[in-house]
Amino acid sequence: MQDLPGGTAREVGQVRKHALVIDHDACWGCRTCEVACAQEYDFKSKFLLVTEEGPSQDNSIHDYTYRVNVCRHCEDPPCVGACPEEAISQRDDGIVVLDADRCTGCRSCIEACPYEVIAFDEEQQVAQKCNLCRHRVDNGLIPACADNVCLAHCIYFGEPADIEATIEGKRKKRQTI
C-alpha cells in the first residue's frame, strides 16, 4: 500500500515499465473487475477478488471500504524464491508468472506471498496467480480488469507517473463535491 498526498491510500502493483494501480478510495465494490478477470479465463479461474470491510460508522453514516486483492507483481517477489521447482519467474518487464506445468503443488509460494493472492486449484493440484493478462499485454492490450470495465474507474494500468496524476486529480474533485 502506498499513501498519496492528503492521506489517501492506494495499492500499487508495479512492474518495471507499467503499473497496475487500484484507487481503493474510489472503489464501490461493483465487482466488474472480478467478472472481467473470470471471463478472460473462460470462468475457469479468477485471479482477482474484491473484499468488503465494514460497516464503519461516522456521524451516523455507515461506510464500507472495498479492497481489490490481486497480485502486486512485486519488485522482489518472495514467491519466486520460495518455489523449489522454479515454476514462478519474473519477466524482464516485471510481470510475475507461474508455469502450471512445472508446479508440483507444494504450496510454498502461497505461504510466501505477503498479500495472500496466490490460490490453490484443488482439481489440478497446482498454484494459480494473476499473470497480469500477459497474453493481452504482449499484444499491446491492457489487463482485462483495467480495460475500462470498472464502473468507478479506479483500476489503472500504464505509466506510474501518469496514473498518479490522474488519481490525484480525481481525489481533488471528490473533495470538492
N, C-alpha and C. Protein backbone atom coordinates (compact mmCIF):
# COMPACT_ATOMS: atom_id res chain seq x y z
N MET A 1 0.85 -1.17 0.00
CA MET A 1 0.00 0.00 0.00
C MET A 1 0.89 1.23 0.00
N GLN A 2 0.50 2.21 -0.77
CA GLN A 2 1.25 3.46 -0.85
C GLN A 2 0.32 4.61 -0.55
N ASP A 3 0.78 5.55 0.25
CA ASP A 3 -0.04 6.70 0.59
C ASP A 3 0.16 7.81 -0.42
N LEU A 4 -0.94 8.40 -0.83
CA LEU A 4 -0.90 9.56 -1.69
C LEU A 4 -0.96 10.81 -0.83
N PRO A 5 -0.57 11.96 -1.33
CA PRO A 5 -0.71 13.19 -0.57
C PRO A 5 -2.15 13.36 -0.10
N GLY A 6 -2.31 13.86 1.11
CA GLY A 6 -3.64 14.07 1.64
C GLY A 6 -4.15 12.88 2.43
N GLY A 7 -3.30 11.88 2.65
CA GLY A 7 -3.69 10.74 3.46
C GLY A 7 -4.48 9.69 2.71
N THR A 8 -4.60 9.79 1.41
CA THR A 8 -5.34 8.81 0.63
C THR A 8 -4.43 7.62 0.37
N ALA A 9 -4.97 6.43 0.49
CA ALA A 9 -4.18 5.22 0.27
C ALA A 9 -4.61 4.55 -1.02
N ARG A 10 -3.66 3.90 -1.65
CA ARG A 10 -3.96 3.10 -2.84
C ARG A 10 -2.98 1.94 -2.88
N GLU A 11 -3.34 0.92 -3.61
CA GLU A 11 -2.48 -0.23 -3.78
C GLU A 11 -1.71 -0.06 -5.09
N VAL A 12 -0.46 -0.45 -5.06
CA VAL A 12 0.35 -0.35 -6.26
C VAL A 12 1.00 -1.69 -6.52
N GLY A 13 0.79 -2.24 -7.68
CA GLY A 13 1.49 -3.44 -8.11
C GLY A 13 2.37 -3.01 -9.26
N GLN A 14 3.59 -2.62 -8.98
CA GLN A 14 4.42 -2.03 -10.01
C GLN A 14 5.21 -3.07 -10.79
N VAL A 15 5.30 -2.85 -12.07
CA VAL A 15 6.21 -3.57 -12.92
C VAL A 15 7.18 -2.53 -13.46
N ARG A 16 8.25 -2.95 -14.07
CA ARG A 16 9.28 -2.00 -14.47
C ARG A 16 8.79 -0.97 -15.49
N LYS A 17 7.95 -1.39 -16.42
CA LYS A 17 7.51 -0.46 -17.46
C LYS A 17 6.12 0.10 -17.19
N HIS A 18 5.33 -0.61 -16.47
CA HIS A 18 3.94 -0.23 -16.23
C HIS A 18 3.58 -0.52 -14.78
N ALA A 19 2.42 -0.05 -14.39
CA ALA A 19 1.91 -0.35 -13.05
C ALA A 19 0.44 -0.68 -13.15
N LEU A 20 -0.01 -1.57 -12.29
CA LEU A 20 -1.43 -1.82 -12.08
C LEU A 20 -1.74 -1.13 -10.76
N VAL A 21 -2.59 -0.12 -10.82
CA VAL A 21 -2.88 0.70 -9.64
C VAL A 21 -4.37 0.67 -9.37
N ILE A 22 -4.70 0.45 -8.10
CA ILE A 22 -6.09 0.44 -7.68
C ILE A 22 -6.29 1.56 -6.68
N ASP A 23 -7.21 2.45 -6.98
CA ASP A 23 -7.54 3.54 -6.07
C ASP A 23 -8.70 3.05 -5.21
N HIS A 24 -8.36 2.47 -4.04
CA HIS A 24 -9.37 1.87 -3.17
C HIS A 24 -10.38 2.89 -2.65
N ASP A 25 -9.98 4.14 -2.53
CA ASP A 25 -10.90 5.16 -2.06
C ASP A 25 -12.05 5.38 -3.04
N ALA A 26 -11.84 5.08 -4.31
CA ALA A 26 -12.87 5.28 -5.32
C ALA A 26 -13.71 4.02 -5.56
N CYS A 27 -13.22 2.87 -5.13
CA CYS A 27 -13.92 1.60 -5.39
C CYS A 27 -15.22 1.52 -4.59
N TRP A 28 -16.31 1.15 -5.25
CA TRP A 28 -17.56 0.98 -4.54
C TRP A 28 -18.03 -0.47 -4.55
N GLY A 29 -17.15 -1.38 -4.94
CA GLY A 29 -17.44 -2.80 -4.80
C GLY A 29 -18.34 -3.41 -5.84
N CYS A 30 -18.36 -2.89 -7.05
CA CYS A 30 -19.25 -3.41 -8.09
C CYS A 30 -18.84 -4.79 -8.59
N ARG A 31 -17.58 -5.11 -8.43
CA ARG A 31 -17.02 -6.41 -8.79
C ARG A 31 -16.97 -6.69 -10.30
N THR A 32 -17.07 -5.67 -11.13
CA THR A 32 -16.95 -5.91 -12.57
C THR A 32 -15.53 -6.35 -12.93
N CYS A 33 -14.55 -5.94 -12.13
CA CYS A 33 -13.17 -6.39 -12.36
C CYS A 33 -13.07 -7.90 -12.15
N GLU A 34 -13.78 -8.42 -11.13
CA GLU A 34 -13.81 -9.87 -10.89
C GLU A 34 -14.41 -10.59 -12.09
N VAL A 35 -15.51 -10.07 -12.60
CA VAL A 35 -16.18 -10.69 -13.74
C VAL A 35 -15.28 -10.64 -14.98
N ALA A 36 -14.64 -9.50 -15.22
CA ALA A 36 -13.75 -9.37 -16.38
C ALA A 36 -12.60 -10.37 -16.30
N CYS A 37 -12.05 -10.54 -15.10
CA CYS A 37 -10.95 -11.49 -14.91
C CYS A 37 -11.44 -12.92 -15.17
N ALA A 38 -12.56 -13.27 -14.58
CA ALA A 38 -13.11 -14.62 -14.77
C ALA A 38 -13.46 -14.88 -16.24
N GLN A 39 -14.06 -13.87 -16.88
CA GLN A 39 -14.44 -14.02 -18.29
C GLN A 39 -13.21 -14.19 -19.17
N GLU A 40 -12.15 -13.48 -18.87
CA GLU A 40 -10.91 -13.58 -19.65
C GLU A 40 -10.36 -15.00 -19.64
N TYR A 41 -10.62 -15.72 -18.56
CA TYR A 41 -10.12 -17.09 -18.42
C TYR A 41 -11.25 -18.11 -18.49
N ASP A 42 -12.30 -17.80 -19.28
CA ASP A 42 -13.43 -18.69 -19.53
C ASP A 42 -14.06 -19.22 -18.25
N PHE A 43 -14.06 -18.40 -17.21
CA PHE A 43 -14.68 -18.71 -15.92
C PHE A 43 -14.08 -19.95 -15.25
N LYS A 44 -12.89 -20.36 -15.72
CA LYS A 44 -12.20 -21.49 -15.09
C LYS A 44 -11.35 -21.02 -13.91
N SER A 45 -10.94 -19.76 -13.95
CA SER A 45 -10.10 -19.20 -12.89
C SER A 45 -10.49 -17.75 -12.66
N LYS A 46 -10.20 -17.31 -11.47
CA LYS A 46 -10.39 -15.89 -11.15
C LYS A 46 -9.21 -15.51 -10.26
N PHE A 47 -8.41 -14.57 -10.72
CA PHE A 47 -7.18 -14.21 -10.02
C PHE A 47 -7.31 -12.92 -9.22
N LEU A 48 -8.50 -12.39 -9.16
CA LEU A 48 -8.75 -11.12 -8.50
C LEU A 48 -9.99 -11.28 -7.63
N LEU A 49 -9.95 -10.70 -6.44
CA LEU A 49 -11.07 -10.82 -5.51
C LEU A 49 -11.32 -9.48 -4.84
N VAL A 50 -12.58 -9.04 -4.85
CA VAL A 50 -12.96 -7.80 -4.16
C VAL A 50 -13.52 -8.19 -2.80
N THR A 51 -12.95 -7.60 -1.75
CA THR A 51 -13.44 -7.86 -0.40
C THR A 51 -14.05 -6.59 0.18
N GLU A 52 -14.97 -6.80 1.11
CA GLU A 52 -15.68 -5.69 1.73
C GLU A 52 -15.27 -5.57 3.19
N GLU A 53 -14.96 -4.37 3.61
CA GLU A 53 -14.65 -4.09 5.01
C GLU A 53 -15.70 -3.12 5.53
N GLY A 54 -16.28 -3.43 6.64
CA GLY A 54 -17.26 -2.53 7.22
C GLY A 54 -18.48 -3.27 7.67
N PRO A 55 -19.48 -2.58 8.11
CA PRO A 55 -19.56 -1.12 8.05
C PRO A 55 -18.83 -0.47 9.22
N SER A 56 -18.32 0.70 8.94
CA SER A 56 -17.83 1.57 10.00
C SER A 56 -18.83 2.71 10.09
N GLN A 57 -18.89 3.32 11.24
CA GLN A 57 -19.90 4.37 11.40
C GLN A 57 -19.22 5.69 11.71
N ASP A 58 -19.60 6.71 10.95
CA ASP A 58 -19.07 8.06 11.13
C ASP A 58 -20.26 9.02 11.07
N ASN A 59 -20.56 9.68 12.17
CA ASN A 59 -21.69 10.61 12.22
C ASN A 59 -22.99 9.98 11.74
N SER A 60 -23.27 8.79 12.22
CA SER A 60 -24.50 8.05 11.90
C SER A 60 -24.58 7.59 10.45
N ILE A 61 -23.47 7.66 9.74
CA ILE A 61 -23.43 7.19 8.35
C ILE A 61 -22.62 5.90 8.33
N HIS A 62 -23.20 4.85 7.77
CA HIS A 62 -22.47 3.59 7.63
C HIS A 62 -21.60 3.66 6.39
N ASP A 63 -20.36 3.29 6.54
CA ASP A 63 -19.41 3.39 5.45
C ASP A 63 -18.77 2.02 5.23
N TYR A 64 -18.60 1.65 3.97
CA TYR A 64 -17.94 0.40 3.61
C TYR A 64 -16.71 0.74 2.79
N THR A 65 -15.69 -0.07 2.94
CA THR A 65 -14.48 0.06 2.14
C THR A 65 -14.32 -1.23 1.36
N TYR A 66 -13.94 -1.11 0.12
CA TYR A 66 -13.74 -2.27 -0.73
C TYR A 66 -12.27 -2.35 -1.11
N ARG A 67 -11.74 -3.56 -1.12
CA ARG A 67 -10.34 -3.79 -1.47
C ARG A 67 -10.29 -4.76 -2.64
N VAL A 68 -9.55 -4.39 -3.66
CA VAL A 68 -9.32 -5.27 -4.80
C VAL A 68 -8.02 -6.01 -4.51
N ASN A 69 -8.13 -7.31 -4.28
CA ASN A 69 -6.97 -8.13 -3.95
C ASN A 69 -6.50 -8.86 -5.20
N VAL A 70 -5.29 -8.53 -5.60
CA VAL A 70 -4.71 -9.11 -6.81
C VAL A 70 -3.19 -9.10 -6.65
N CYS A 71 -2.51 -9.94 -7.37
CA CYS A 71 -1.05 -9.99 -7.30
C CYS A 71 -0.45 -8.62 -7.57
N ARG A 72 0.49 -8.22 -6.75
CA ARG A 72 1.12 -6.90 -6.87
C ARG A 72 2.31 -6.90 -7.84
N HIS A 73 2.70 -8.08 -8.31
CA HIS A 73 3.85 -8.20 -9.20
C HIS A 73 5.02 -7.43 -8.59
N CYS A 74 5.36 -7.85 -7.37
CA CYS A 74 6.37 -7.19 -6.55
C CYS A 74 7.69 -7.00 -7.29
N GLU A 75 8.40 -5.97 -6.89
CA GLU A 75 9.72 -5.72 -7.47
C GLU A 75 10.67 -6.88 -7.15
N ASP A 76 10.58 -7.39 -5.93
CA ASP A 76 11.37 -8.54 -5.49
C ASP A 76 10.40 -9.57 -4.92
N PRO A 77 9.71 -10.32 -5.79
CA PRO A 77 8.63 -11.19 -5.34
C PRO A 77 9.10 -12.38 -4.50
N PRO A 78 8.60 -12.50 -3.27
CA PRO A 78 9.01 -13.62 -2.41
C PRO A 78 8.55 -14.97 -2.93
N CYS A 79 7.51 -15.01 -3.72
CA CYS A 79 7.01 -16.28 -4.25
C CYS A 79 8.02 -16.92 -5.21
N VAL A 80 8.79 -16.11 -5.91
CA VAL A 80 9.77 -16.64 -6.87
C VAL A 80 10.83 -17.46 -6.14
N GLY A 81 11.39 -16.91 -5.09
CA GLY A 81 12.42 -17.61 -4.33
C GLY A 81 11.89 -18.78 -3.53
N ALA A 82 10.61 -18.74 -3.20
CA ALA A 82 10.02 -19.80 -2.37
C ALA A 82 9.73 -21.08 -3.15
N CYS A 83 9.61 -20.98 -4.46
CA CYS A 83 9.24 -22.13 -5.27
C CYS A 83 10.45 -23.03 -5.53
N PRO A 84 10.45 -24.25 -4.99
CA PRO A 84 11.60 -25.14 -5.19
C PRO A 84 11.72 -25.67 -6.63
N GLU A 85 10.65 -25.58 -7.39
CA GLU A 85 10.65 -26.08 -8.77
C GLU A 85 10.93 -24.99 -9.80
N GLU A 86 11.14 -23.76 -9.32
CA GLU A 86 11.34 -22.60 -10.20
C GLU A 86 10.18 -22.46 -11.20
N ALA A 87 8.97 -22.72 -10.71
CA ALA A 87 7.78 -22.61 -11.55
C ALA A 87 7.29 -21.17 -11.63
N ILE A 88 7.80 -20.31 -10.76
CA ILE A 88 7.42 -18.89 -10.79
C ILE A 88 8.65 -18.09 -11.17
N SER A 89 8.44 -17.18 -12.11
CA SER A 89 9.56 -16.34 -12.57
C SER A 89 9.06 -14.92 -12.80
N GLN A 90 10.01 -14.02 -12.89
CA GLN A 90 9.68 -12.63 -13.17
C GLN A 90 10.26 -12.26 -14.53
N ARG A 91 9.40 -11.80 -15.40
CA ARG A 91 9.84 -11.40 -16.73
C ARG A 91 10.64 -10.10 -16.66
N ASP A 92 11.32 -9.78 -17.73
CA ASP A 92 12.10 -8.54 -17.78
C ASP A 92 11.23 -7.30 -17.58
N ASP A 93 9.96 -7.37 -17.96
CA ASP A 93 9.07 -6.23 -17.78
C ASP A 93 8.43 -6.19 -16.39
N GLY A 94 8.81 -7.16 -15.53
CA GLY A 94 8.35 -7.18 -14.15
C GLY A 94 7.15 -8.06 -13.88
N ILE A 95 6.50 -8.58 -14.90
CA ILE A 95 5.32 -9.43 -14.69
C ILE A 95 5.78 -10.75 -14.09
N VAL A 96 5.14 -11.14 -13.01
CA VAL A 96 5.46 -12.39 -12.32
C VAL A 96 4.49 -13.46 -12.81
N VAL A 97 5.05 -14.54 -13.39
CA VAL A 97 4.22 -15.60 -13.98
C VAL A 97 4.49 -16.94 -13.30
N LEU A 98 3.46 -17.76 -13.29
CA LEU A 98 3.55 -19.10 -12.73
C LEU A 98 3.33 -20.10 -13.85
N ASP A 99 4.27 -21.02 -14.03
CA ASP A 99 4.17 -22.07 -15.04
C ASP A 99 3.51 -23.28 -14.39
N ALA A 100 2.24 -23.48 -14.65
CA ALA A 100 1.47 -24.55 -14.02
C ALA A 100 2.04 -25.93 -14.35
N ASP A 101 2.68 -26.06 -15.52
CA ASP A 101 3.26 -27.35 -15.90
C ASP A 101 4.45 -27.72 -15.02
N ARG A 102 5.13 -26.74 -14.46
CA ARG A 102 6.28 -27.01 -13.59
C ARG A 102 5.89 -27.08 -12.11
N CYS A 103 4.71 -26.58 -11.79
CA CYS A 103 4.25 -26.53 -10.40
C CYS A 103 3.93 -27.95 -9.90
N THR A 104 4.46 -28.29 -8.71
CA THR A 104 4.21 -29.60 -8.11
C THR A 104 3.13 -29.53 -7.03
N GLY A 105 2.62 -28.34 -6.75
CA GLY A 105 1.57 -28.20 -5.76
C GLY A 105 2.06 -28.19 -4.32
N CYS A 106 3.30 -27.81 -4.09
CA CYS A 106 3.85 -27.83 -2.73
C CYS A 106 3.31 -26.70 -1.85
N ARG A 107 2.77 -25.67 -2.47
CA ARG A 107 2.16 -24.52 -1.79
C ARG A 107 3.15 -23.58 -1.10
N SER A 108 4.42 -23.73 -1.37
CA SER A 108 5.43 -22.83 -0.78
C SER A 108 5.20 -21.39 -1.20
N CYS A 109 4.81 -21.18 -2.43
CA CYS A 109 4.57 -19.82 -2.92
C CYS A 109 3.38 -19.19 -2.21
N ILE A 110 2.37 -19.98 -1.92
CA ILE A 110 1.17 -19.49 -1.23
C ILE A 110 1.56 -18.98 0.15
N GLU A 111 2.38 -19.74 0.84
CA GLU A 111 2.83 -19.33 2.18
C GLU A 111 3.73 -18.11 2.12
N ALA A 112 4.49 -17.96 1.04
CA ALA A 112 5.45 -16.85 0.93
C ALA A 112 4.80 -15.53 0.53
N CYS A 113 3.64 -15.57 -0.10
CA CYS A 113 3.00 -14.35 -0.60
C CYS A 113 2.46 -13.51 0.55
N PRO A 114 2.99 -12.30 0.75
CA PRO A 114 2.52 -11.47 1.85
C PRO A 114 1.12 -10.90 1.63
N TYR A 115 0.60 -10.98 0.41
CA TYR A 115 -0.72 -10.43 0.08
C TYR A 115 -1.81 -11.49 0.01
N GLU A 116 -1.43 -12.75 0.17
CA GLU A 116 -2.37 -13.86 0.14
C GLU A 116 -3.21 -13.88 -1.13
N VAL A 117 -2.55 -13.70 -2.26
CA VAL A 117 -3.27 -13.66 -3.54
C VAL A 117 -2.93 -14.82 -4.47
N ILE A 118 -2.17 -15.79 -3.98
CA ILE A 118 -1.92 -17.00 -4.76
C ILE A 118 -2.89 -18.06 -4.26
N ALA A 119 -3.63 -18.64 -5.19
CA ALA A 119 -4.65 -19.62 -4.85
C ALA A 119 -4.15 -21.03 -5.17
N PHE A 120 -4.88 -22.01 -4.70
CA PHE A 120 -4.55 -23.40 -5.00
C PHE A 120 -5.74 -24.04 -5.69
N ASP A 121 -5.48 -24.62 -6.87
CA ASP A 121 -6.51 -25.30 -7.64
C ASP A 121 -6.54 -26.75 -7.16
N GLU A 122 -7.56 -27.09 -6.39
CA GLU A 122 -7.67 -28.43 -5.81
C GLU A 122 -7.80 -29.51 -6.89
N GLU A 123 -8.51 -29.17 -7.96
CA GLU A 123 -8.73 -30.15 -9.02
C GLU A 123 -7.43 -30.50 -9.75
N GLN A 124 -6.66 -29.46 -10.10
CA GLN A 124 -5.42 -29.68 -10.84
C GLN A 124 -4.21 -29.86 -9.93
N GLN A 125 -4.40 -29.55 -8.63
CA GLN A 125 -3.33 -29.67 -7.64
C GLN A 125 -2.11 -28.80 -7.97
N VAL A 126 -2.39 -27.56 -8.37
CA VAL A 126 -1.34 -26.58 -8.67
C VAL A 126 -1.73 -25.21 -8.13
N ALA A 127 -0.74 -24.39 -7.93
CA ALA A 127 -0.98 -23.00 -7.52
C ALA A 127 -1.42 -22.20 -8.74
N GLN A 128 -2.15 -21.10 -8.47
CA GLN A 128 -2.60 -20.20 -9.54
C GLN A 128 -2.44 -18.77 -9.06
N LYS A 129 -2.08 -17.88 -9.98
CA LYS A 129 -1.96 -16.46 -9.63
C LYS A 129 -2.18 -15.60 -10.86
N CYS A 130 -2.43 -14.33 -10.62
CA CYS A 130 -2.57 -13.36 -11.69
C CYS A 130 -1.26 -13.26 -12.46
N ASN A 131 -1.35 -13.26 -13.77
CA ASN A 131 -0.17 -13.05 -14.60
C ASN A 131 -0.27 -11.72 -15.36
N LEU A 132 -1.10 -10.83 -14.84
CA LEU A 132 -1.34 -9.50 -15.39
C LEU A 132 -1.79 -9.59 -16.85
N CYS A 133 -2.55 -10.65 -17.15
CA CYS A 133 -3.03 -10.91 -18.52
C CYS A 133 -1.89 -10.75 -19.52
N ARG A 134 -0.82 -11.46 -19.27
CA ARG A 134 0.37 -11.31 -20.12
C ARG A 134 0.08 -11.53 -21.60
N HIS A 135 -0.87 -12.40 -21.92
CA HIS A 135 -1.25 -12.62 -23.31
C HIS A 135 -1.82 -11.35 -23.93
N ARG A 136 -2.48 -10.53 -23.14
CA ARG A 136 -3.01 -9.26 -23.62
C ARG A 136 -1.89 -8.21 -23.69
N VAL A 137 -1.12 -8.10 -22.62
CA VAL A 137 -0.03 -7.12 -22.56
C VAL A 137 0.97 -7.36 -23.69
N ASP A 138 1.27 -8.63 -23.97
CA ASP A 138 2.21 -8.97 -25.05
C ASP A 138 1.69 -8.56 -26.42
N ASN A 139 0.38 -8.34 -26.52
CA ASN A 139 -0.23 -7.92 -27.78
C ASN A 139 -0.66 -6.46 -27.76
N GLY A 140 -0.08 -5.69 -26.83
CA GLY A 140 -0.34 -4.26 -26.79
C GLY A 140 -1.64 -3.86 -26.10
N LEU A 141 -2.30 -4.80 -25.45
CA LEU A 141 -3.54 -4.51 -24.75
C LEU A 141 -3.25 -4.34 -23.26
N ILE A 142 -4.27 -4.03 -22.49
CA ILE A 142 -4.10 -3.91 -21.06
C ILE A 142 -4.83 -5.06 -20.37
N PRO A 143 -4.50 -5.34 -19.11
CA PRO A 143 -5.18 -6.44 -18.40
C PRO A 143 -6.70 -6.26 -18.40
N ALA A 144 -7.41 -7.37 -18.43
CA ALA A 144 -8.88 -7.33 -18.52
C ALA A 144 -9.51 -6.51 -17.39
N CYS A 145 -8.98 -6.61 -16.19
CA CYS A 145 -9.57 -5.89 -15.05
C CYS A 145 -9.43 -4.38 -15.19
N ALA A 146 -8.46 -3.93 -15.97
CA ALA A 146 -8.20 -2.49 -16.13
C ALA A 146 -8.69 -1.96 -17.47
N ASP A 147 -9.36 -2.80 -18.25
CA ASP A 147 -9.76 -2.44 -19.60
C ASP A 147 -11.12 -1.72 -19.62
N ASN A 148 -11.20 -0.61 -18.87
CA ASN A 148 -12.38 0.24 -18.83
C ASN A 148 -13.67 -0.50 -18.45
N VAL A 149 -13.54 -1.51 -17.60
CA VAL A 149 -14.73 -2.23 -17.13
C VAL A 149 -15.19 -1.72 -15.77
N CYS A 150 -14.31 -1.11 -15.03
CA CYS A 150 -14.61 -0.65 -13.67
C CYS A 150 -15.58 0.53 -13.72
N LEU A 151 -16.74 0.36 -13.10
CA LEU A 151 -17.75 1.42 -13.10
C LEU A 151 -17.27 2.66 -12.34
N ALA A 152 -16.41 2.46 -11.35
CA ALA A 152 -15.89 3.58 -10.56
C ALA A 152 -14.61 4.15 -11.17
N HIS A 153 -14.12 3.51 -12.22
CA HIS A 153 -12.87 3.93 -12.88
C HIS A 153 -11.74 4.04 -11.87
N CYS A 154 -11.54 2.97 -11.08
CA CYS A 154 -10.50 3.02 -10.05
C CYS A 154 -9.36 2.04 -10.31
N ILE A 155 -9.36 1.34 -11.44
CA ILE A 155 -8.27 0.43 -11.78
C ILE A 155 -7.55 0.98 -13.00
N TYR A 156 -6.24 1.14 -12.85
CA TYR A 156 -5.44 1.76 -13.90
C TYR A 156 -4.26 0.86 -14.25
N PHE A 157 -3.84 0.93 -15.51
CA PHE A 157 -2.65 0.22 -15.96
C PHE A 157 -1.91 1.14 -16.90
N GLY A 158 -0.63 1.34 -16.65
CA GLY A 158 0.17 2.19 -17.52
C GLY A 158 1.37 2.75 -16.81
N GLU A 159 1.76 3.94 -17.21
CA GLU A 159 2.92 4.61 -16.63
C GLU A 159 2.58 5.12 -15.23
N PRO A 160 3.36 4.76 -14.23
CA PRO A 160 3.05 5.15 -12.85
C PRO A 160 2.85 6.65 -12.64
N ALA A 161 3.68 7.48 -13.23
CA ALA A 161 3.56 8.94 -13.03
C ALA A 161 2.25 9.46 -13.61
N ASP A 162 1.85 8.96 -14.76
CA ASP A 162 0.58 9.38 -15.37
C ASP A 162 -0.61 8.96 -14.52
N ILE A 163 -0.55 7.75 -14.00
CA ILE A 163 -1.64 7.24 -13.17
C ILE A 163 -1.75 8.06 -11.90
N GLU A 164 -0.63 8.32 -11.27
CA GLU A 164 -0.65 9.09 -10.02
C GLU A 164 -1.28 10.47 -10.24
N ALA A 165 -0.95 11.11 -11.35
CA ALA A 165 -1.52 12.43 -11.64
C ALA A 165 -3.03 12.34 -11.85
N THR A 166 -3.48 11.30 -12.53
CA THR A 166 -4.91 11.10 -12.77
C THR A 166 -5.65 10.87 -11.45
N ILE A 167 -5.11 10.01 -10.61
CA ILE A 167 -5.75 9.71 -9.32
C ILE A 167 -5.78 10.95 -8.44
N GLU A 168 -4.70 11.69 -8.42
CA GLU A 168 -4.65 12.91 -7.60
C GLU A 168 -5.70 13.91 -8.08
N GLY A 169 -5.85 14.06 -9.38
CA GLY A 169 -6.87 14.97 -9.92
C GLY A 169 -8.27 14.54 -9.54
N LYS A 170 -8.55 13.24 -9.61
CA LYS A 170 -9.87 12.73 -9.23
C LYS A 170 -10.10 12.89 -7.73
N ARG A 171 -9.06 12.69 -6.93
CA ARG A 171 -9.19 12.84 -5.48
C ARG A 171 -9.57 14.28 -5.13
N LYS A 172 -8.94 15.23 -5.80
CA LYS A 172 -9.25 16.64 -5.56
C LYS A 172 -10.69 16.96 -5.94
N LYS A 173 -11.17 16.40 -7.06
CA LYS A 173 -12.56 16.62 -7.46
C LYS A 173 -13.53 16.04 -6.44
N ARG A 174 -13.22 14.85 -5.92
CA ARG A 174 -14.10 14.22 -4.92
C ARG A 174 -14.18 15.08 -3.65
N GLN A 175 -13.11 15.74 -3.30
CA GLN A 175 -13.09 16.56 -2.09
C GLN A 175 -13.96 17.81 -2.24
N THR A 176 -14.17 18.28 -3.45
CA THR A 176 -14.97 19.48 -3.67
C THR A 176 -16.46 19.19 -3.77
N ILE A 177 -16.79 17.94 -3.91
CA ILE A 177 -18.21 17.56 -4.07
C ILE A 177 -18.88 17.46 -2.71
